[in-house]
Protein backbone atom coordinates (compact mmCIF):
# COMPACT_ATOMS: atom_id res chain seq x y z
CA MET A 1 0.00 0.00 0.00
CA GLU A 2 2.80 2.41 0.81
CA GLN A 3 4.38 1.67 -2.59
CA ASN A 4 1.08 2.33 -4.40
CA SER A 5 0.60 5.66 -2.52
CA ARG A 6 4.10 6.74 -3.36
CA LEU A 7 3.58 5.92 -7.05
CA ALA A 8 0.25 7.79 -7.18
CA THR A 9 1.79 10.88 -5.54
CA SER A 10 4.74 10.76 -7.92
CA LEU A 11 2.41 10.44 -10.91
CA LEU A 12 0.51 13.62 -9.99
CA SER A 13 3.63 15.67 -9.25
CA LYS A 14 5.66 14.79 -12.34
CA THR A 15 5.66 17.24 -15.27
CA LYS A 16 6.77 14.77 -17.92
CA THR A 17 4.37 12.46 -19.59
CA CYS A 18 4.46 8.69 -19.48
CA THR A 19 2.56 8.30 -22.71
CA ARG A 20 2.77 10.23 -25.96
CA TRP A 21 -0.47 11.39 -27.63
CA SER A 22 0.46 10.79 -31.24
CA ALA A 23 -0.82 9.04 -34.32
CA ARG A 24 1.85 6.31 -34.29
CA PRO A 25 1.66 3.19 -32.06
CA LEU A 26 2.40 4.15 -28.49
CA PRO A 27 5.25 2.42 -26.62
CA ARG A 28 4.42 0.14 -23.75
CA ARG A 29 6.00 1.37 -20.55
CA THR A 30 6.53 -0.50 -17.32
CA CYS A 31 7.48 1.41 -14.25
CA GLY A 32 8.83 0.24 -10.97
CA PRO A 33 10.84 1.39 -8.06
CA LYS A 34 14.00 -0.06 -9.53
CA SER A 35 13.75 1.76 -12.82
CA ALA A 36 15.70 4.78 -11.61
CA PRO A 37 17.91 5.20 -8.61
CA ALA A 38 16.94 8.77 -7.73
CA THR A 39 13.27 9.00 -8.75
CA PRO A 40 10.81 6.49 -9.98
CA GLY A 41 11.25 6.26 -13.74
CA CYS A 42 10.09 4.33 -16.73
CA SER A 43 11.70 1.65 -18.86
CA THR A 44 10.21 1.51 -22.34
CA SER A 45 9.45 -1.46 -24.53
CA LEU A 46 7.28 -1.56 -27.65
CA GLY A 47 3.81 -2.82 -26.88
CA GLU A 48 0.27 -2.55 -28.14
CA ALA A 49 -0.94 0.78 -29.29
CA ALA A 50 -4.29 0.44 -27.61
CA SER A 51 -2.88 -0.19 -24.17
CA GLY A 52 -1.47 3.29 -23.76
CA GLY A 53 1.32 1.98 -21.49
CA THR A 54 1.31 0.80 -17.88
CA CYS A 55 2.98 2.46 -14.98
CA GLY A 56 3.34 0.31 -11.95
CA PRO A 57 0.48 -1.50 -10.32
CA GLY A 58 -2.93 -0.40 -11.59
CA GLY A 59 -1.37 1.03 -14.78
CA ALA A 60 -3.67 -0.98 -17.04
CA GLY A 61 -6.73 0.77 -15.60
CA LEU A 62 -5.13 4.19 -16.08
CA GLY A 63 -4.15 3.31 -19.66
CA LEU A 64 -7.68 2.20 -20.48
CA HIS A 65 -9.04 5.46 -19.05
CA ARG A 66 -6.65 7.52 -21.21
CA VAL A 67 -7.60 5.60 -24.35
CA GLN A 68 -11.30 6.15 -23.73
CA ARG A 69 -10.77 9.85 -23.04
CA ARG A 70 -8.66 10.23 -26.20
CA LYS A 71 -11.31 8.46 -28.34
CA SER A 72 -14.02 10.65 -26.84
CA ARG A 73 -12.08 13.83 -27.70
CA GLN A 74 -11.43 12.68 -31.26
CA LYS A 75 -15.10 11.81 -31.66
CA HIS A 76 -16.35 15.19 -30.43
CA GLY A 77 -13.65 17.22 -32.18
CA ARG A 78 -11.88 18.30 -28.99
CA LEU A 79 -8.47 16.81 -29.65
CA PRO A 80 -7.98 15.55 -33.18
CA VAL A 81 -4.82 13.89 -34.34
CA ALA A 82 -3.44 17.14 -35.72
CA ALA A 83 -3.93 18.80 -32.33
CA ALA A 84 -2.13 15.91 -30.65
CA LEU A 85 0.80 16.31 -32.97
CA GLU A 86 0.77 20.04 -32.29
CA LEU A 87 0.87 19.39 -28.54
CA GLU A 88 3.77 16.99 -28.99
CA THR A 89 5.65 19.58 -31.06
CA GLU A 90 4.90 22.38 -28.63
CA PHE A 91 6.34 20.53 -25.69
CA GLY A 92 9.31 19.29 -27.69
CA GLY A 93 8.21 15.68 -27.52
CA ALA A 94 9.37 15.60 -23.90
CA GLY A 95 6.03 14.71 -22.41
CA ARG A 96 2.60 15.92 -21.63
CA PRO A 97 1.90 19.30 -20.00
CA PRO A 98 1.45 19.70 -16.26
CA ALA A 99 -1.60 18.33 -14.52
CA GLU A 100 -3.21 21.79 -14.17
CA GLN A 101 -3.03 22.34 -17.95
CA ARG A 102 -4.40 18.86 -18.59
CA LEU A 103 -7.34 19.57 -16.34
CA LEU A 104 -8.03 22.89 -18.12
CA GLN A 105 -7.86 21.19 -21.52
CA ALA A 106 -10.25 18.51 -20.34
CA SER A 107 -12.74 20.99 -18.88
CA ALA A 108 -12.69 23.57 -21.73
CA PRO A 109 -13.64 21.93 -25.02
CA GLU A 110 -12.21 23.33 -28.21
CA PRO A 111 -14.67 25.04 -30.59
CA GLU A 112 -15.73 22.94 -33.52
CA LEU A 113 -14.67 24.06 -37.00
CA LYS A 114 -17.61 24.29 -39.37
CA ALA A 115 -17.83 25.29 -43.02
CA VAL A 116 -20.07 28.36 -43.00
CA ALA A 117 -21.34 29.97 -46.22
CA VAL A 118 -20.49 33.67 -46.06
CA PRO A 119 -23.32 35.76 -47.52
CA ARG A 120 -22.65 38.55 -50.02
CA THR A 121 -23.50 41.42 -47.76
CA GLY A 122 -22.64 44.25 -50.13
CA SER A 123 -24.51 43.16 -53.25
CA ALA A 124 -27.65 45.27 -52.64
CA LEU A 125 -25.59 48.35 -51.76
CA ARG A 126 -23.40 47.85 -54.81
CA TRP A 127 -26.41 47.70 -57.13
CA PHE A 128 -27.91 50.78 -55.47
CA THR A 129 -24.63 52.66 -55.91
CA THR A 130 -24.50 51.64 -59.57
CA ALA A 131 -28.07 52.87 -60.12
CA VAL A 132 -27.20 56.24 -58.54
CA LEU A 133 -24.20 56.55 -60.86
CA TYR A 134 -26.42 55.77 -63.86
CA ALA A 135 -28.81 58.50 -62.74
CA SER A 136 -25.88 60.89 -62.29
CA PHE A 137 -24.66 60.34 -65.85
CA LEU A 138 -28.19 60.79 -67.17
CA GLY A 139 -28.25 64.17 -65.47
CA MET A 140 -24.80 64.94 -66.88
CA GLY A 141 -26.12 64.25 -70.39
CA LEU A 142 -29.07 66.57 -69.78
CA ALA A 143 -26.81 69.33 -68.44
CA ALA A 144 -24.27 68.99 -71.25
CA ALA A 145 -26.79 69.09 -74.09
CA ILE A 146 -29.19 71.79 -72.86
CA LEU A 147 -26.88 74.60 -73.95
CA GLY A 148 -27.31 73.97 -77.69
CA PRO A 149 -31.12 74.28 -77.94
CA THR A 150 -31.23 77.24 -75.52
CA PHE A 151 -28.16 79.13 -76.71
CA GLN A 152 -30.10 81.72 -78.68
CA ASP A 153 -32.47 82.41 -75.78
CA LEU A 154 -29.57 82.81 -73.35
CA ALA A 155 -27.89 85.26 -75.72
CA SER A 156 -31.06 87.33 -75.90
CA ASN A 157 -31.39 87.19 -72.14
CA VAL A 158 -27.99 88.89 -71.64
CA ASN A 159 -28.51 91.27 -74.61
CA GLN A 160 -25.74 89.69 -76.69
CA ASN A 161 -25.63 88.12 -80.12
CA MET A 162 -24.62 84.50 -80.55
CA SER A 163 -21.19 85.18 -82.04
CA SER A 164 -20.10 87.44 -79.18
CA LEU A 165 -21.33 84.92 -76.59
CA SER A 166 -19.36 81.97 -77.93
CA GLN A 167 -16.98 82.31 -74.97
CA ILE A 168 -19.40 80.30 -72.85
CA PHE A 169 -18.33 77.16 -74.76
CA VAL A 170 -14.70 77.95 -73.99
CA GLY A 171 -15.56 78.65 -70.37
CA ARG A 172 -17.39 75.35 -69.98
CA ALA A 173 -14.57 73.44 -71.68
CA LEU A 174 -11.98 75.04 -69.38
CA GLY A 175 -14.20 74.26 -66.41
CA TYR A 176 -14.39 70.63 -67.53
CA LEU A 177 -10.60 70.44 -67.71
CA GLY A 178 -10.33 71.99 -64.26
CA GLY A 179 -12.92 69.54 -62.92
CA CYS A 180 -10.95 66.58 -64.23
CA ALA A 181 -7.77 67.91 -62.60
CA ILE A 182 -9.54 68.61 -59.29
CA CYS A 183 -11.05 65.14 -59.26
CA GLY A 184 -7.68 63.55 -59.98
CA ILE A 185 -6.18 65.33 -56.99
CA LEU A 186 -9.00 64.93 -54.48
CA PHE A 187 -10.72 61.71 -55.49
CA ASP A 188 -8.24 59.38 -53.79
CA ARG A 189 -7.85 61.63 -50.73
CA ILE A 190 -11.40 62.32 -49.54
CA ASN A 191 -14.66 60.41 -49.63
CA GLN A 192 -15.68 60.03 -53.27
CA PHE A 193 -19.42 60.24 -52.67
CA LEU A 194 -19.02 63.39 -50.62
CA LEU A 195 -17.03 65.01 -53.44
CA LEU A 196 -19.56 64.00 -56.09
CA GLY A 197 -22.51 65.02 -53.93
CA VAL A 198 -21.13 68.49 -53.23
CA LEU A 199 -20.30 69.12 -56.89
CA MET A 200 -23.69 67.87 -58.06
CA LEU A 201 -25.32 70.23 -55.56
CA VAL A 202 -23.21 73.14 -56.84
CA THR A 203 -24.07 72.20 -60.43
CA SER A 204 -27.76 72.15 -59.53
CA VAL A 205 -27.56 75.67 -58.07
CA ALA A 206 -25.65 76.90 -61.13
CA HIS A 207 -28.35 75.55 -63.47
CA TYR A 208 -31.00 77.32 -61.44
CA LEU A 209 -29.11 80.60 -61.89
CA ILE A 210 -28.17 80.28 -65.58
CA PRO A 211 -31.54 81.50 -67.01
CA LEU A 212 -31.58 84.30 -64.42
CA CYS A 213 -28.19 85.77 -65.43
CA LYS A 214 -28.36 89.25 -66.95
CA THR A 215 -24.67 89.77 -67.75
CA ALA A 216 -22.50 87.80 -70.16
CA ALA A 217 -19.61 87.56 -67.66
CA LEU A 218 -21.85 86.07 -64.99
CA LEU A 219 -23.31 83.61 -67.50
CA ILE A 220 -19.81 82.49 -68.51
CA VAL A 221 -18.91 81.98 -64.82
CA MET A 222 -22.00 79.83 -64.29
CA MET A 223 -21.16 77.75 -67.36
CA SER A 224 -17.63 77.26 -66.06
CA VAL A 225 -19.04 76.02 -62.75
CA THR A 226 -21.21 73.49 -64.57
CA GLY A 227 -18.15 72.42 -66.57
CA ILE A 228 -16.26 71.75 -63.32
CA GLY A 229 -19.13 69.61 -62.06
CA LEU A 230 -19.28 67.66 -65.32
CA GLY A 231 -15.53 67.01 -65.29
CA ILE A 232 -15.54 65.73 -61.70
CA LEU A 233 -18.58 63.52 -62.27
CA ASP A 234 -17.21 62.10 -65.52
CA THR A 235 -13.89 61.22 -63.90
CA GLY A 236 -15.29 59.92 -60.63
CA GLY A 237 -18.09 57.89 -62.20
CA ASN A 238 -15.73 55.88 -64.37
CA VAL A 239 -13.40 55.13 -61.45
CA LEU A 240 -16.26 54.12 -59.15
CA ILE A 241 -17.75 51.70 -61.68
CA LEU A 242 -14.36 50.02 -62.04
CA ALA A 243 -13.94 49.88 -58.26
CA LEU A 244 -17.43 48.42 -57.76
CA TRP A 245 -17.35 45.71 -60.42
CA GLY A 246 -13.70 45.09 -61.28
CA ASP A 247 -13.23 42.64 -64.13
CA LYS A 248 -17.02 42.28 -64.50
CA GLY A 249 -17.53 45.99 -65.04
CA ALA A 250 -17.59 46.12 -68.86
CA PRO A 251 -21.42 45.94 -69.21
CA HIS A 252 -21.85 48.45 -66.41
CA MET A 253 -19.34 50.79 -68.02
CA GLN A 254 -21.33 50.63 -71.26
CA ALA A 255 -24.56 51.25 -69.33
CA LEU A 256 -22.98 54.24 -67.58
CA HIS A 257 -22.09 55.94 -70.85
CA PHE A 258 -25.40 54.92 -72.39
CA SER A 259 -27.08 56.89 -69.60
CA PHE A 260 -25.13 59.97 -70.68
CA ALA A 261 -26.10 59.43 -74.34
CA LEU A 262 -29.73 58.95 -73.33
CA GLY A 263 -29.71 62.24 -71.44
CA ALA A 264 -28.15 64.06 -74.41
CA PHE A 265 -30.79 62.48 -76.69
CA LEU A 266 -33.71 63.53 -74.45
CA THR A 267 -32.54 67.12 -73.99
CA PRO A 268 -33.58 68.44 -77.45
CA ILE A 269 -37.00 66.86 -76.94
CA LEU A 270 -37.32 68.53 -73.55
CA ALA A 271 -36.17 71.86 -74.96
CA LYS A 272 -38.64 71.63 -77.85
CA LEU A 273 -41.50 70.87 -75.47
CA ALA A 274 -40.53 73.84 -73.30
CA LEU A 275 -39.53 76.34 -75.98
CA GLY A 276 -41.40 75.20 -79.07
CA THR A 277 -44.35 77.52 -78.70
CA THR A 278 -42.14 80.41 -77.65
CA VAL A 279 -39.85 80.07 -80.66
CA SER A 280 -42.72 80.44 -83.07
CA ALA A 281 -44.01 83.41 -81.09
CA GLU A 282 -40.62 85.08 -81.16
CA ASN A 283 -40.48 84.75 -84.94
CA HIS A 284 -43.69 86.76 -85.23
CA THR A 285 -43.07 89.32 -82.52
CA GLU A 286 -39.34 89.86 -82.81
CA PRO A 287 -39.38 93.70 -82.89
CA ASP A 288 -41.49 93.92 -79.73
CA LEU A 289 -39.25 91.58 -77.74
CA HIS A 290 -36.04 93.46 -78.36
CA HIS A 291 -37.13 96.69 -76.73
CA PRO A 292 -37.64 95.18 -73.22
CA ALA A 293 -34.36 93.41 -73.57
CA LEU A 294 -32.61 96.65 -74.40
CA ASN A 295 -34.26 98.38 -71.48
CA ARG A 296 -32.95 95.68 -69.11
CA SER A 297 -29.46 95.68 -70.63
CA PRO A 298 -26.38 96.00 -68.40
CA GLU A 299 -25.81 99.52 -69.69
CA ALA A 300 -29.28 100.58 -68.58
CA ASP A 301 -29.08 98.93 -65.19
CA PRO A 302 -25.51 97.85 -64.37
CA ASP A 303 -26.44 96.68 -60.86
CA LEU A 304 -28.90 94.10 -62.15
CA LEU A 305 -27.26 90.66 -62.09
CA PHE A 306 -30.19 88.28 -61.76
CA ALA A 307 -33.73 88.65 -63.03
CA ALA A 308 -36.47 86.47 -64.41
CA PRO A 309 -36.13 85.90 -68.18
CA ASP A 310 -38.71 87.15 -70.66
CA ASP A 311 -39.42 83.56 -71.61
CA LEU A 312 -40.44 81.67 -68.49
CA ASN A 313 -40.32 78.39 -70.41
CA LEU A 314 -36.54 78.83 -70.53
CA LEU A 315 -36.56 79.05 -66.75
CA TRP A 316 -38.69 75.90 -66.41
CA ALA A 317 -36.43 73.91 -68.74
CA TYR A 318 -33.35 74.67 -66.63
CA ALA A 319 -35.32 74.28 -63.39
CA PHE A 320 -36.36 70.75 -64.37
CA ILE A 321 -32.75 69.71 -65.00
CA SER A 322 -31.58 71.44 -61.82
CA THR A 323 -34.19 69.66 -59.71
CA TYR A 324 -33.20 66.30 -61.18
CA ILE A 325 -29.52 66.93 -60.42
CA PHE A 326 -30.42 68.02 -56.88
CA VAL A 327 -32.29 64.75 -56.24
CA VAL A 328 -29.27 62.77 -57.47
CA SER A 329 -27.00 64.74 -55.13
CA VAL A 330 -29.23 63.73 -52.19
CA PHE A 331 -28.69 60.05 -53.04
CA LEU A 332 -24.95 60.65 -53.29
CA PHE A 333 -24.95 62.17 -49.80
CA ALA A 334 -26.88 59.11 -48.58
CA LEU A 335 -24.15 56.87 -50.01
CA PHE A 336 -21.55 59.02 -48.26
CA PHE A 337 -23.10 58.22 -44.86
CA LYS A 338 -23.55 54.55 -45.79
CA LYS A 339 -20.22 53.61 -47.28
CA SER A 340 -17.34 52.33 -45.17
CA SER A 341 -13.79 53.57 -45.53
CA ARG A 342 -12.19 50.19 -44.87
CA HIS A 343 -13.46 48.87 -48.17
CA LYS A 344 -11.93 51.82 -49.97
CA LYS A 345 -8.55 51.33 -48.33
CA SER A 346 -8.50 47.66 -49.23
CA ALA A 347 -9.58 48.47 -52.78
CA ALA A 348 -6.83 51.08 -53.05
CA SER A 349 -4.19 48.64 -51.86
CA ALA A 350 -5.49 46.04 -54.32
CA GLN A 351 -5.27 48.57 -57.15
CA GLU A 352 -1.73 49.45 -56.16
CA SER A 353 -0.73 45.79 -56.34
CA ARG A 354 -2.22 45.48 -59.84
CA ARG A 355 -0.12 48.24 -61.37
CA ALA A 356 1.47 47.07 -64.60
CA LYS A 357 5.14 47.44 -65.41
CA HIS A 358 4.42 49.84 -68.32
CA HIS A 359 1.65 51.66 -66.46
CA LYS A 360 2.67 55.19 -67.47
CA ALA A 361 3.30 54.25 -71.10
CA LEU A 362 -0.14 52.64 -71.37
CA LEU A 363 -1.79 55.73 -69.91
CA CYS A 364 0.04 58.02 -72.33
CA PHE A 365 -1.00 55.92 -75.31
CA LEU A 366 -4.60 55.83 -74.12
CA PHE A 367 -4.43 59.61 -73.63
CA LEU A 368 -3.67 59.97 -77.34
CA PHE A 369 -6.28 57.33 -78.16
CA PHE A 370 -9.06 59.30 -76.45
CA PHE A 371 -7.73 62.59 -77.83
CA PHE A 372 -8.23 61.52 -81.44
CA TYR A 373 -11.33 59.39 -80.83
CA VAL A 374 -13.38 62.05 -79.04
CA GLY A 375 -11.99 64.76 -81.31
CA ALA A 376 -13.13 62.89 -84.43
CA GLU A 377 -16.55 62.19 -82.90
CA VAL A 378 -17.17 65.86 -82.05
CA THR A 379 -15.71 67.05 -85.36
CA TYR A 380 -18.08 64.91 -87.41
CA SER A 381 -21.16 65.74 -85.33
CA SER A 382 -20.34 69.46 -85.34
CA TYR A 383 -19.66 69.92 -89.06
CA ILE A 384 -21.81 67.29 -90.75
CA PHE A 385 -24.73 69.73 -91.01
CA SER A 386 -22.74 72.47 -92.73
CA PHE A 387 -20.83 69.92 -94.82
CA ALA A 388 -24.07 68.35 -96.08
CA THR A 389 -25.58 71.71 -97.02
CA THR A 390 -22.52 73.34 -98.64
CA HIS A 391 -20.54 70.41 -100.05
CA VAL A 392 -23.26 67.88 -100.89
CA GLY A 393 -26.10 70.32 -101.55
CA MET A 394 -28.67 68.87 -99.18
CA GLU A 395 -31.58 70.84 -97.75
CA GLU A 396 -31.34 72.08 -94.18
CA SER A 397 -34.12 69.79 -93.01
CA GLU A 398 -32.34 66.79 -94.51
CA ALA A 399 -29.02 67.86 -92.99
CA ALA A 400 -30.66 68.18 -89.57
CA GLY A 401 -32.06 64.67 -89.99
CA LEU A 402 -28.56 63.48 -90.86
CA ASN A 403 -27.22 64.83 -87.59
CA SER A 404 -30.10 63.24 -85.67
CA LEU A 405 -29.42 59.92 -87.42
CA PHE A 406 -25.80 59.99 -86.29
CA TRP A 407 -26.66 60.62 -82.64
CA GLY A 408 -29.63 58.24 -82.74
CA THR A 409 -27.53 55.29 -83.92
CA PHE A 410 -24.81 56.35 -81.51
CA ALA A 411 -27.18 56.19 -78.51
CA ALA A 412 -28.92 52.99 -79.69
CA CYS A 413 -25.68 51.07 -80.23
CA ARG A 414 -24.30 52.28 -76.93
CA GLY A 415 -27.35 50.69 -75.34
CA LEU A 416 -26.85 47.46 -77.31
CA ALA A 417 -23.20 47.46 -76.24
CA ILE A 418 -24.39 46.73 -72.68
CA PHE A 419 -25.46 43.25 -73.81
CA PHE A 420 -22.50 42.75 -76.16
CA ALA A 421 -20.08 43.56 -73.34
CA ALA A 422 -21.46 40.63 -71.35
CA CYS A 423 -20.22 38.12 -73.95
CA LEU A 424 -17.36 39.97 -75.69
CA GLN A 425 -14.05 41.19 -74.32
CA PRO A 426 -13.44 44.98 -74.36
CA GLY A 427 -10.52 44.54 -76.75
CA THR A 428 -12.69 42.63 -79.22
CA MET A 429 -15.32 45.38 -79.12
CA ILE A 430 -12.67 48.03 -79.76
CA VAL A 431 -11.31 46.11 -82.76
CA LEU A 432 -14.79 45.67 -84.28
CA SER A 433 -15.62 49.33 -83.65
CA ASN A 434 -12.36 50.48 -85.24
CA ILE A 435 -13.01 48.36 -88.32
CA GLY A 436 -16.49 49.84 -88.73
CA SER A 437 -15.18 53.38 -88.23
CA VAL A 438 -12.38 53.01 -90.79
CA VAL A 439 -14.67 51.44 -93.40
CA SER A 440 -17.40 54.06 -92.98
CA CYS A 441 -14.94 56.98 -93.10
CA LEU A 442 -13.26 55.48 -96.17
CA PHE A 443 -16.59 55.33 -97.99
CA LEU A 444 -17.35 58.88 -96.89
CA VAL A 445 -14.12 60.12 -98.47
CA LEU A 446 -14.56 58.08 -101.66
CA PHE A 447 -18.21 59.03 -102.22
CA ASP A 448 -18.32 62.44 -100.57
CA LYS A 449 -20.79 63.84 -103.12
CA SER A 450 -23.40 61.09 -102.73
CA PRO A 451 -26.32 61.87 -100.38
CA LEU A 452 -27.26 58.18 -100.14
CA CYS A 453 -23.74 57.23 -99.08
CA LEU A 454 -23.78 60.07 -96.57
CA TRP A 455 -26.95 58.70 -94.96
CA ILE A 456 -25.70 55.12 -94.77
CA THR A 457 -22.18 55.85 -93.63
CA SER A 458 -23.34 58.38 -91.03
CA SER A 459 -25.46 55.70 -89.36
CA VAL A 460 -22.61 53.14 -89.55
CA TYR A 461 -20.08 55.65 -88.25
CA GLY A 462 -22.30 56.61 -85.31
CA ALA A 463 -22.89 52.94 -84.44
CA SER A 464 -19.17 52.15 -84.68
CA MET A 465 -18.09 55.05 -82.46
CA ALA A 466 -20.60 54.28 -79.70
CA ALA A 467 -18.76 51.62 -77.70
CA ILE A 468 -15.14 52.74 -78.08
CA PHE A 469 -14.81 55.06 -75.09
CA PRO A 470 -16.31 52.80 -72.36
CA SER A 471 -14.59 49.78 -73.88
CA GLY A 472 -11.27 51.60 -73.73
CA VAL A 473 -11.68 52.29 -70.02
CA SER A 474 -12.69 48.67 -69.35
CA TRP A 475 -9.81 47.37 -71.46
CA ILE A 476 -7.07 49.31 -69.68
CA GLU A 477 -8.47 48.20 -66.30
CA GLN A 478 -7.74 44.59 -67.24
CA TYR A 479 -4.00 45.24 -67.34
CA THR A 480 -3.35 47.99 -64.80
CA SER A 481 -5.06 49.88 -62.01
CA ILE A 482 -7.03 53.07 -62.71
CA SER A 483 -6.99 55.57 -59.87
CA GLY A 484 -8.61 58.98 -59.73
CA ILE A 485 -5.59 60.78 -61.12
CA SER A 486 -5.22 58.21 -63.92
CA ALA A 487 -8.83 58.64 -65.00
CA ALA A 488 -8.45 62.42 -64.83
CA PHE A 489 -5.40 62.21 -67.09
CA LEU A 490 -7.33 60.20 -69.68
CA LEU A 491 -10.35 62.50 -69.63
CA ILE A 492 -8.16 65.56 -69.96
CA GLY A 493 -6.89 64.02 -73.20
CA ALA A 494 -10.47 63.58 -74.38
CA ALA A 495 -11.32 67.18 -73.44
CA LEU A 496 -8.28 68.53 -75.29
CA GLY A 497 -9.35 66.54 -78.34
CA VAL A 498 -12.79 68.17 -78.17
CA MET A 499 -11.18 71.62 -78.24
CA ALA A 500 -8.30 71.02 -80.66
CA LEU A 501 -9.53 68.76 -83.47
CA PRO A 502 -12.82 70.53 -84.34
CA ALA A 503 -11.08 73.92 -84.27
CA GLY A 504 -8.29 72.73 -86.56
CA ALA A 505 -10.65 70.97 -88.95
CA GLY A 506 -12.93 74.02 -89.12
CA THR A 507 -10.01 76.31 -89.88
CA LEU A 508 -8.70 74.08 -92.68
CA GLN A 509 -12.19 73.56 -94.09
CA GLY A 510 -12.59 77.34 -94.36
CA GLN A 511 -9.27 77.64 -96.20
CA TYR A 512 -10.01 74.74 -98.57
CA PRO A 513 -13.78 74.77 -99.09
CA ASP A 514 -13.69 72.46 -102.11
CA LEU A 515 -12.04 69.61 -100.18
CA PRO A 516 -13.81 67.41 -97.59
CA VAL A 517 -11.35 68.35 -94.85
CA VAL A 518 -13.78 67.24 -92.14
CA LEU A 519 -13.95 63.75 -93.62
CA TYR A 520 -10.17 63.62 -94.02
CA THR A 521 -9.82 64.51 -90.34
CA CYS A 522 -12.18 61.73 -89.28
CA LEU A 523 -10.51 59.16 -91.54
CA GLY A 524 -7.02 60.07 -90.36
CA SER A 525 -8.09 59.96 -86.71
CA THR A 526 -9.74 56.54 -87.01
CA ILE A 527 -6.72 55.05 -88.80
CA PHE A 528 -4.44 56.50 -86.13
CA ILE A 529 -6.43 55.10 -83.19
CA THR A 530 -6.62 51.69 -84.93
CA VAL A 531 -2.84 51.50 -85.23
CA LEU A 532 -2.39 52.95 -81.75
CA PHE A 533 -4.62 50.30 -80.19
CA ALA A 534 -2.53 47.55 -81.79
CA VAL A 535 0.56 49.08 -80.20
CA MET A 536 -1.18 49.37 -76.83
CA TYR A 537 -2.36 45.77 -76.96
CA LYS A 538 1.15 44.53 -77.74
CA LEU A 539 2.63 46.57 -74.90
CA ALA A 540 -0.01 45.44 -72.40
CA THR A 541 0.31 41.73 -73.24
CA PHE A 542 4.11 41.96 -73.17
CA SER A 543 3.90 43.53 -69.72
CA VAL A 544 1.67 40.69 -68.48
CA TYR A 545 3.95 38.06 -70.02
CA HIS A 546 7.04 39.64 -68.46
CA GLN A 547 5.35 39.85 -65.07
CA ARG A 548 4.34 36.18 -65.21
CA ARG A 549 7.90 35.15 -66.03
CA GLU A 550 9.18 37.12 -63.05
CA ASN A 551 6.61 35.46 -60.79
CA ILE A 552 7.62 32.00 -62.02
CA LYS A 553 11.31 32.79 -61.43
CA SER A 554 10.62 34.05 -57.93
CA GLU A 555 8.61 30.92 -57.10
CA ASN A 556 11.36 28.66 -58.40
């Protein structure tokens, strides 16, 4: 009895284990007082794995108890084999932990590992954000296109003729460039939805004030403010769509730009509904309307800056667009309070890791690509009316229908591109669009005197140009990251093309009226962007191939 008590006390006080919890067969141990001269020890001999070893008298019962406890833990997931191996490694294979730790492990079961399906928590918010961006670009199309149908009324409102008030186009273009630059600087530094919401609110206020302006300088300032808002929204909307959808963003990018085209298409209809009756009235009562305008001129009352226009329908047309933009800004502010900043930081770090080796070269090439693409688009749409009447000899009504046909096919094919982008790669869509643009411009140059060819090729050219811009943004995002400043750089190139190419083509057309300079400009631009895209594609694929080789070398 004394020997059994001494063995039991020694078993509880020892810190080294007598049995190893491992997956291999356990050694059979027999212990006795003669095993070690100083302290009771163990002499080991290979035995049955199920016995768990015996230590002195009564060891078989203790071994059976350990085996049952180990099987119970493996059954309930408390101590699987991997955990046993981890315990053995942690204690250096020297033995089991002290008795206090064993009691804590036995009393506190380990949590079970289960495969849980993680729900997509942000899908509804992502779709809502996308819908708000669509609505924003629809408002941008309305705001950008309202100036053309109401230009004559605005000139009369400030007692200026149309030629002397052409600076408002320059002011809005400069504002657009400034908006792109501001967005590139601030978009990655502050909350994007806050920036867009504030600028949409400012744009809404500016559109409320535009028909109330009574001085040309104040009208130009208001137009510049709207240009800043358009530049920031255009830059930020493209970046946000890419951030929301990533590689699956091609259809949404097409839908975003289709919303802009839809707004630009609806604006002349809205202006005609608002100003149609007034235009006919002005044609019959023109002498009577000029005297009140002269009485309210800046010379007569220099302190008068804002006043209600003579034509209240002009005020209602701008008020409708302003109210729509204001409602969109409210939704943007709602997204500002809803969105989390952690997602943005993780997205920014992911974009930084996706930066291609030739990132700057690709952006410079795409800058030139958008410069000539948008420049050719605006050049053709701006001069096709005058070209058809002077060079081809078409009636003004037919020439106006030709311009409407171009923009109608442009908007319709941009809508169809939403569905094409779901099954075609952005690069494939760019190649097909470039082929259609080159073929249509070539036929325009070869048969420049044919009205039938002008009708057919104008529709084909408008359809071919529709999907190039959004496809270009989606294509570059496949190879490198697009941040706010990168998108601003690309859109500045497009804005410079809008200002430079139409001005140069118009100047040359005036110097050489017998030549179709406008058509030559469009043909040269489409050939250039076709060749340029081939160069960009080669550079992008070479960058990806080189990066993959470096990754393989680093892994090896």
